[in-house]
N, C-alpha and C. Protein backbone atom coordinates (compact mmCIF):
# COMPACT_ATOMS: atom_id res chain seq x y z
N MET A 1 13.26 15.65 0.18
CA MET A 1 11.91 15.13 0.23
C MET A 1 11.60 14.73 1.67
N LYS A 2 10.42 15.08 2.11
CA LYS A 2 10.02 14.76 3.48
C LYS A 2 9.58 13.31 3.58
N ASN A 3 9.64 12.78 4.78
CA ASN A 3 9.23 11.40 5.01
C ASN A 3 7.75 11.19 4.74
N GLN A 4 6.95 12.22 4.93
CA GLN A 4 5.51 12.08 4.73
C GLN A 4 5.20 11.74 3.28
N TYR A 5 5.97 12.27 2.34
CA TYR A 5 5.75 11.96 0.93
C TYR A 5 6.05 10.49 0.64
N LEU A 6 6.99 9.92 1.35
CA LEU A 6 7.28 8.50 1.17
C LEU A 6 6.09 7.65 1.60
N PHE A 7 5.41 8.06 2.65
CA PHE A 7 4.24 7.31 3.10
C PHE A 7 3.08 7.47 2.13
N TYR A 8 2.94 8.66 1.54
CA TYR A 8 1.92 8.83 0.51
C TYR A 8 2.21 7.95 -0.70
N ALA A 9 3.49 7.85 -1.07
CA ALA A 9 3.87 6.99 -2.19
C ALA A 9 3.62 5.52 -1.86
N ALA A 10 3.91 5.11 -0.63
CA ALA A 10 3.66 3.73 -0.22
C ALA A 10 2.16 3.44 -0.25
N LEU A 11 1.35 4.40 0.15
CA LEU A 11 -0.09 4.23 0.12
C LEU A 11 -0.60 4.09 -1.32
N ALA A 12 -0.09 4.93 -2.21
CA ALA A 12 -0.51 4.88 -3.62
C ALA A 12 -0.08 3.56 -4.27
N VAL A 13 1.15 3.15 -4.04
CA VAL A 13 1.62 1.89 -4.61
C VAL A 13 0.86 0.71 -4.01
N GLY A 14 0.53 0.79 -2.74
CA GLY A 14 -0.25 -0.27 -2.11
C GLY A 14 -1.62 -0.43 -2.72
N ILE A 15 -2.27 0.69 -3.01
CA ILE A 15 -3.59 0.63 -3.64
C ILE A 15 -3.48 0.03 -5.04
N ILE A 16 -2.47 0.45 -5.79
CA ILE A 16 -2.27 -0.08 -7.14
C ILE A 16 -2.01 -1.58 -7.09
N LEU A 17 -1.17 -2.03 -6.15
CA LEU A 17 -0.88 -3.46 -6.04
C LEU A 17 -2.10 -4.26 -5.60
N LEU A 18 -2.93 -3.69 -4.75
CA LEU A 18 -4.16 -4.39 -4.37
C LEU A 18 -5.07 -4.58 -5.59
N ILE A 19 -5.19 -3.55 -6.41
CA ILE A 19 -6.00 -3.66 -7.62
C ILE A 19 -5.41 -4.70 -8.57
N LEU A 20 -4.09 -4.66 -8.76
CA LEU A 20 -3.45 -5.65 -9.62
C LEU A 20 -3.57 -7.06 -9.06
N GLY A 21 -3.50 -7.20 -7.75
CA GLY A 21 -3.67 -8.51 -7.13
C GLY A 21 -5.04 -9.09 -7.40
N VAL A 22 -6.06 -8.25 -7.31
CA VAL A 22 -7.42 -8.71 -7.60
C VAL A 22 -7.55 -9.09 -9.08
N VAL A 23 -6.98 -8.28 -9.96
CA VAL A 23 -7.04 -8.58 -11.39
C VAL A 23 -6.34 -9.90 -11.69
N PHE A 24 -5.18 -10.13 -11.10
CA PHE A 24 -4.47 -11.38 -11.33
C PHE A 24 -5.21 -12.58 -10.76
N GLU A 25 -5.88 -12.38 -9.63
CA GLU A 25 -6.67 -13.48 -9.06
C GLU A 25 -7.82 -13.85 -9.98
N VAL A 26 -8.45 -12.85 -10.56
CA VAL A 26 -9.59 -13.10 -11.45
C VAL A 26 -9.15 -13.75 -12.75
N THR A 27 -7.96 -13.39 -13.23
CA THR A 27 -7.48 -13.93 -14.51
C THR A 27 -6.65 -15.20 -14.32
N HIS A 28 -6.80 -15.86 -13.18
CA HIS A 28 -6.22 -17.17 -12.91
C HIS A 28 -4.68 -17.19 -12.91
N HIS A 29 -4.09 -16.19 -12.26
CA HIS A 29 -2.67 -16.22 -11.96
C HIS A 29 -2.55 -16.25 -10.44
N PRO A 30 -2.71 -17.42 -9.83
CA PRO A 30 -2.85 -17.48 -8.37
C PRO A 30 -1.63 -16.95 -7.61
N THR A 31 -0.42 -17.23 -8.08
CA THR A 31 0.76 -16.80 -7.33
C THR A 31 0.93 -15.29 -7.42
N ARG A 32 0.80 -14.76 -8.61
CA ARG A 32 0.93 -13.31 -8.78
C ARG A 32 -0.16 -12.56 -8.02
N GLY A 33 -1.35 -13.10 -8.06
CA GLY A 33 -2.46 -12.45 -7.36
C GLY A 33 -2.25 -12.43 -5.86
N LEU A 34 -1.80 -13.55 -5.31
CA LEU A 34 -1.56 -13.63 -3.87
C LEU A 34 -0.44 -12.68 -3.44
N VAL A 35 0.64 -12.66 -4.20
CA VAL A 35 1.75 -11.78 -3.87
C VAL A 35 1.31 -10.31 -3.98
N GLY A 36 0.55 -9.99 -5.02
CA GLY A 36 0.06 -8.62 -5.17
C GLY A 36 -0.82 -8.20 -4.02
N LEU A 37 -1.70 -9.09 -3.57
CA LEU A 37 -2.58 -8.77 -2.45
C LEU A 37 -1.81 -8.60 -1.15
N ILE A 38 -0.86 -9.48 -0.90
CA ILE A 38 -0.09 -9.41 0.36
C ILE A 38 0.78 -8.17 0.39
N VAL A 39 1.55 -7.93 -0.66
CA VAL A 39 2.44 -6.76 -0.69
C VAL A 39 1.62 -5.48 -0.70
N GLY A 40 0.51 -5.47 -1.43
CA GLY A 40 -0.35 -4.29 -1.45
C GLY A 40 -0.92 -3.98 -0.08
N ALA A 41 -1.35 -5.01 0.64
CA ALA A 41 -1.90 -4.80 1.98
C ALA A 41 -0.82 -4.28 2.94
N ILE A 42 0.38 -4.82 2.83
CA ILE A 42 1.47 -4.37 3.70
C ILE A 42 1.80 -2.91 3.42
N LEU A 43 1.91 -2.54 2.14
CA LEU A 43 2.22 -1.15 1.81
C LEU A 43 1.08 -0.21 2.20
N LEU A 44 -0.13 -0.69 2.09
CA LEU A 44 -1.28 0.12 2.50
C LEU A 44 -1.24 0.39 4.00
N ILE A 45 -0.93 -0.61 4.78
CA ILE A 45 -0.82 -0.45 6.23
C ILE A 45 0.33 0.48 6.59
N ILE A 46 1.47 0.32 5.92
CA ILE A 46 2.63 1.19 6.17
C ILE A 46 2.28 2.64 5.84
N GLY A 47 1.59 2.85 4.73
CA GLY A 47 1.21 4.20 4.35
C GLY A 47 0.26 4.85 5.34
N ILE A 48 -0.73 4.11 5.80
CA ILE A 48 -1.69 4.66 6.75
C ILE A 48 -1.03 4.95 8.09
N VAL A 49 -0.24 4.01 8.58
CA VAL A 49 0.44 4.21 9.87
C VAL A 49 1.42 5.37 9.77
N GLY A 50 2.12 5.47 8.67
CA GLY A 50 3.07 6.57 8.50
C GLY A 50 2.39 7.92 8.44
N MET A 51 1.23 7.98 7.81
CA MET A 51 0.50 9.25 7.75
C MET A 51 0.00 9.65 9.12
N VAL A 52 -0.48 8.69 9.89
CA VAL A 52 -1.00 9.00 11.23
C VAL A 52 0.14 9.38 12.17
N MET A 53 1.23 8.66 12.12
CA MET A 53 2.35 8.93 13.03
C MET A 53 3.14 10.19 12.61
N GLY A 54 3.04 10.57 11.35
CA GLY A 54 3.80 11.70 10.86
C GLY A 54 3.14 13.05 11.06
N ARG A 55 1.93 13.07 11.61
CA ARG A 55 1.24 14.34 11.83
C ARG A 55 1.92 15.12 12.94
N PRO A 56 2.00 16.42 12.78
CA PRO A 56 2.60 17.22 13.85
C PRO A 56 1.68 17.24 15.08
N LYS A 57 2.30 17.20 16.23
CA LYS A 57 1.54 17.19 17.47
C LYS A 57 1.07 18.61 17.80
N THR A 58 -0.20 18.73 18.12
CA THR A 58 -0.73 20.04 18.49
C THR A 58 -0.66 20.22 20.00
N ALA A 59 -0.41 21.43 20.42
CA ALA A 59 -0.27 21.70 21.85
C ALA A 59 -1.58 22.05 22.50
């Protein structure tokens, strides 16, 4: 498996965790919501940076 697929997976999991974090915040689970938002944001950033850095360089 290529490294680029790992970044796509991190991006997908990050989006899912952001959605779950918002849902938990709305349903009054403050700790779970905060953790979901923080981890989701970190994975989202890792996924985006990995996709940008993993592009082949054109000559």
